[in-house]
């Protein structure tokens, strides 16, 4: 009984950490979200809000995340 009282806060923190990790993974590797980000990035570049170097860097980052998301999706099925 006493042991459970002492471990409850630790277990709660672990569960919270797991939930945060799930949410971060979902946002980082959500295909629809990444596609939206790519569209917004392209629009910003077309409107000259960002330079080519920033565009290329961010685009590469998003495309890498997209590839990882597709791979994760494929492995789930």
N, C-alpha and C. Protein backbone atom coordinates (compact mmCIF):
# COMPACT_ATOMS: atom_id res chain seq x y z
N UNK A 1 0.83 -1.20 0.00
CA UNK A 1 0.00 0.00 0.00
C UNK A 1 0.87 1.26 0.00
N UNK A 2 1.81 1.33 0.90
CA UNK A 2 2.68 2.50 0.98
C UNK A 2 3.52 2.61 -0.29
N UNK A 3 3.98 1.45 -0.79
CA UNK A 3 4.78 1.44 -2.01
C UNK A 3 4.01 2.07 -3.17
N UNK A 4 2.71 1.74 -3.27
CA UNK A 4 1.88 2.30 -4.34
C UNK A 4 1.76 3.81 -4.21
N UNK A 5 1.67 4.30 -2.99
CA UNK A 5 1.58 5.74 -2.77
C UNK A 5 2.85 6.46 -3.24
N UNK A 6 3.99 5.82 -3.04
CA UNK A 6 5.26 6.44 -3.45
C UNK A 6 5.49 6.34 -4.95
N UNK A 7 5.01 5.28 -5.56
CA UNK A 7 5.26 5.10 -7.00
C UNK A 7 4.20 5.77 -7.87
N UNK A 8 3.09 6.15 -7.30
CA UNK A 8 2.02 6.79 -8.08
C UNK A 8 2.50 8.04 -8.82
N UNK A 9 3.20 8.97 -8.16
CA UNK A 9 3.67 10.15 -8.90
C UNK A 9 4.63 9.78 -10.04
N UNK A 10 5.47 8.81 -9.82
CA UNK A 10 6.42 8.40 -10.86
C UNK A 10 5.68 7.80 -12.04
N UNK A 11 4.72 6.93 -11.76
CA UNK A 11 3.95 6.31 -12.85
C UNK A 11 3.15 7.37 -13.61
N UNK A 12 2.63 8.35 -12.89
CA UNK A 12 1.88 9.42 -13.54
C UNK A 12 2.78 10.23 -14.48
N UNK A 13 3.98 10.51 -14.03
CA UNK A 13 4.93 11.26 -14.86
C UNK A 13 5.31 10.45 -16.09
N UNK A 14 5.51 9.15 -15.92
CA UNK A 14 5.85 8.30 -17.06
C UNK A 14 4.70 8.28 -18.06
N UNK A 15 3.47 8.13 -17.58
CA UNK A 15 2.31 8.12 -18.48
C UNK A 15 2.18 9.46 -19.21
N UNK A 16 2.41 10.55 -18.50
CA UNK A 16 2.35 11.87 -19.12
C UNK A 16 3.42 11.99 -20.21
N UNK A 17 4.62 11.53 -19.93
CA UNK A 17 5.69 11.56 -20.92
C UNK A 17 5.35 10.74 -22.15
N UNK A 18 4.74 9.58 -21.95
CA UNK A 18 4.34 8.73 -23.08
C UNK A 18 3.27 9.43 -23.92
N UNK A 19 2.33 10.09 -23.26
CA UNK A 19 1.26 10.80 -23.98
C UNK A 19 1.84 11.96 -24.78
N UNK A 20 2.75 12.70 -24.18
CA UNK A 20 3.39 13.81 -24.89
C UNK A 20 4.14 13.29 -26.11
N UNK A 21 4.85 12.17 -25.95
CA UNK A 21 5.60 11.59 -27.07
C UNK A 21 4.65 11.18 -28.20
N UNK A 22 3.50 10.60 -27.86
CA UNK A 22 2.51 10.22 -28.87
C UNK A 22 2.04 11.45 -29.65
N UNK A 23 1.73 12.53 -28.92
CA UNK A 23 1.24 13.74 -29.57
C UNK A 23 2.30 14.36 -30.48
N UNK A 24 3.53 14.39 -30.02
CA UNK A 24 4.63 14.95 -30.82
C UNK A 24 4.82 14.12 -32.08
N UNK A 25 4.84 12.80 -31.93
CA UNK A 25 5.00 11.92 -33.09
C UNK A 25 3.87 12.11 -34.08
N UNK A 26 2.66 12.26 -33.57
CA UNK A 26 1.52 12.44 -34.46
C UNK A 26 1.67 13.73 -35.26
N UNK A 27 2.07 14.80 -34.61
CA UNK A 27 2.23 16.07 -35.33
C UNK A 27 3.42 16.03 -36.28
N UNK A 28 4.51 15.45 -35.84
CA UNK A 28 5.71 15.40 -36.68
C UNK A 28 5.51 14.54 -37.91
N UNK A 29 4.73 13.48 -37.78
CA UNK A 29 4.64 12.51 -38.86
C UNK A 29 3.22 12.36 -39.42
N UNK A 30 2.39 13.36 -39.21
CA UNK A 30 1.04 13.35 -39.78
C UNK A 30 1.14 13.81 -41.24
N UNK A 31 0.77 12.94 -42.17
CA UNK A 31 0.94 13.23 -43.60
C UNK A 31 0.17 14.48 -44.03
N UNK A 32 -1.06 14.62 -43.57
CA UNK A 32 -1.86 15.79 -43.95
C UNK A 32 -1.23 17.07 -43.44
N UNK A 33 -0.76 17.05 -42.21
CA UNK A 33 -0.12 18.23 -41.62
C UNK A 33 1.15 18.60 -42.40
N UNK A 34 1.94 17.61 -42.76
CA UNK A 34 3.17 17.87 -43.51
C UNK A 34 2.83 18.44 -44.89
N UNK A 35 1.81 17.91 -45.53
CA UNK A 35 1.40 18.43 -46.84
C UNK A 35 0.96 19.89 -46.73
N UNK A 36 0.22 20.21 -45.68
CA UNK A 36 -0.19 21.60 -45.46
C UNK A 36 1.02 22.50 -45.28
N UNK A 37 1.99 22.03 -44.52
CA UNK A 37 3.21 22.80 -44.29
C UNK A 37 3.95 23.04 -45.60
N UNK A 38 4.00 22.03 -46.47
CA UNK A 38 4.67 22.19 -47.77
C UNK A 38 3.95 23.22 -48.63
N UNK A 39 2.63 23.19 -48.63
CA UNK A 39 1.85 24.17 -49.40
C UNK A 39 2.09 25.58 -48.88
N UNK A 40 2.04 25.74 -47.56
CA UNK A 40 2.28 27.06 -46.96
C UNK A 40 3.68 27.56 -47.28
N UNK A 41 4.65 26.66 -47.21
CA UNK A 41 6.03 27.02 -47.51
C UNK A 41 6.16 27.50 -48.95
N UNK A 42 5.53 26.77 -49.87
CA UNK A 42 5.59 27.15 -51.28
C UNK A 42 4.94 28.52 -51.51
N UNK A 43 3.82 28.75 -50.84
CA UNK A 43 3.15 30.05 -50.96
C UNK A 43 4.03 31.17 -50.42
N UNK A 44 4.68 30.93 -49.30
CA UNK A 44 5.57 31.94 -48.73
C UNK A 44 6.72 32.27 -49.68
N UNK A 45 7.23 31.25 -50.33
CA UNK A 45 8.32 31.46 -51.29
C UNK A 45 7.81 32.22 -52.52
N UNK A 46 6.64 31.83 -53.03
CA UNK A 46 6.07 32.51 -54.19
C UNK A 46 5.79 33.98 -53.90
N UNK A 47 5.40 34.28 -52.66
CA UNK A 47 5.10 35.66 -52.28
C UNK A 47 6.35 36.40 -51.81
N UNK A 48 7.49 35.75 -51.96
CA UNK A 48 8.79 36.32 -51.60
C UNK A 48 8.89 36.71 -50.12
N UNK A 49 8.22 35.93 -49.28
CA UNK A 49 8.31 36.15 -47.84
C UNK A 49 9.56 35.48 -47.26
N UNK A 50 10.07 34.48 -47.98
CA UNK A 50 11.30 33.80 -47.58
C UNK A 50 12.21 33.68 -48.80
N UNK A 51 13.51 33.61 -48.54
CA UNK A 51 14.44 33.49 -49.66
C UNK A 51 14.59 32.02 -50.08
N UNK A 52 15.29 31.82 -51.19
CA UNK A 52 15.42 30.48 -51.75
C UNK A 52 16.14 29.53 -50.80
N UNK A 53 17.16 30.03 -50.13
CA UNK A 53 17.92 29.17 -49.21
C UNK A 53 17.04 28.66 -48.07
N UNK A 54 16.26 29.54 -47.47
CA UNK A 54 15.36 29.14 -46.39
C UNK A 54 14.30 28.17 -46.91
N UNK A 55 13.81 28.46 -48.10
CA UNK A 55 12.81 27.59 -48.73
C UNK A 55 13.36 26.19 -48.93
N UNK A 56 14.54 26.09 -49.52
CA UNK A 56 15.14 24.79 -49.82
C UNK A 56 15.42 24.00 -48.53
N UNK A 57 15.90 24.69 -47.52
CA UNK A 57 16.22 24.03 -46.25
C UNK A 57 14.96 23.47 -45.59
N UNK A 58 13.94 24.31 -45.51
CA UNK A 58 12.68 23.88 -44.87
C UNK A 58 11.99 22.80 -45.70
N UNK A 59 12.03 22.94 -47.02
CA UNK A 59 11.40 21.94 -47.89
C UNK A 59 12.06 20.58 -47.68
N UNK A 60 13.38 20.56 -47.61
CA UNK A 60 14.10 19.30 -47.41
C UNK A 60 13.71 18.66 -46.08
N UNK A 61 13.61 19.48 -45.05
CA UNK A 61 13.21 18.98 -43.74
C UNK A 61 11.82 18.35 -43.80
N UNK A 62 10.88 19.05 -44.44
CA UNK A 62 9.52 18.54 -44.54
C UNK A 62 9.44 17.28 -45.39
N UNK A 63 10.20 17.24 -46.48
CA UNK A 63 10.20 16.06 -47.33
C UNK A 63 10.79 14.86 -46.60
N UNK A 64 11.80 15.09 -45.79
CA UNK A 64 12.36 13.99 -44.99
C UNK A 64 11.33 13.46 -44.00
N UNK A 65 10.62 14.38 -43.34
CA UNK A 65 9.56 13.97 -42.42
C UNK A 65 8.46 13.22 -43.15
N UNK A 66 8.14 13.66 -44.37
CA UNK A 66 7.11 13.01 -45.17
C UNK A 66 7.53 11.57 -45.49
N UNK A 67 8.79 11.39 -45.90
CA UNK A 67 9.28 10.04 -46.21
C UNK A 67 9.21 9.14 -44.98
N UNK A 68 9.60 9.67 -43.85
CA UNK A 68 9.55 8.89 -42.61
C UNK A 68 8.10 8.53 -42.28
N UNK A 69 7.20 9.48 -42.44
CA UNK A 69 5.78 9.24 -42.15
C UNK A 69 5.22 8.16 -43.06
N UNK A 70 5.58 8.21 -44.34
CA UNK A 70 5.10 7.19 -45.29
C UNK A 70 5.65 5.82 -44.90
N UNK A 71 6.91 5.78 -44.50
CA UNK A 71 7.53 4.51 -44.09
C UNK A 71 6.85 3.97 -42.83
N UNK A 72 6.58 4.84 -41.88
CA UNK A 72 5.89 4.42 -40.65
C UNK A 72 4.50 3.91 -40.97
N UNK A 73 3.82 4.60 -41.87
CA UNK A 73 2.47 4.19 -42.27
C UNK A 73 2.52 2.81 -42.92
N UNK A 74 3.49 2.60 -43.77
CA UNK A 74 3.64 1.31 -44.46
C UNK A 74 3.92 0.19 -43.46
N UNK A 75 4.74 0.47 -42.46
CA UNK A 75 5.09 -0.54 -41.46
C UNK A 75 3.94 -0.87 -40.52
N UNK A 76 2.99 0.05 -40.37
CA UNK A 76 1.84 -0.19 -39.50
C UNK A 76 0.91 -1.23 -40.11
N UNK A 77 0.88 -1.32 -41.42
CA UNK A 77 -0.06 -2.24 -42.08
C UNK A 77 0.61 -3.48 -42.47
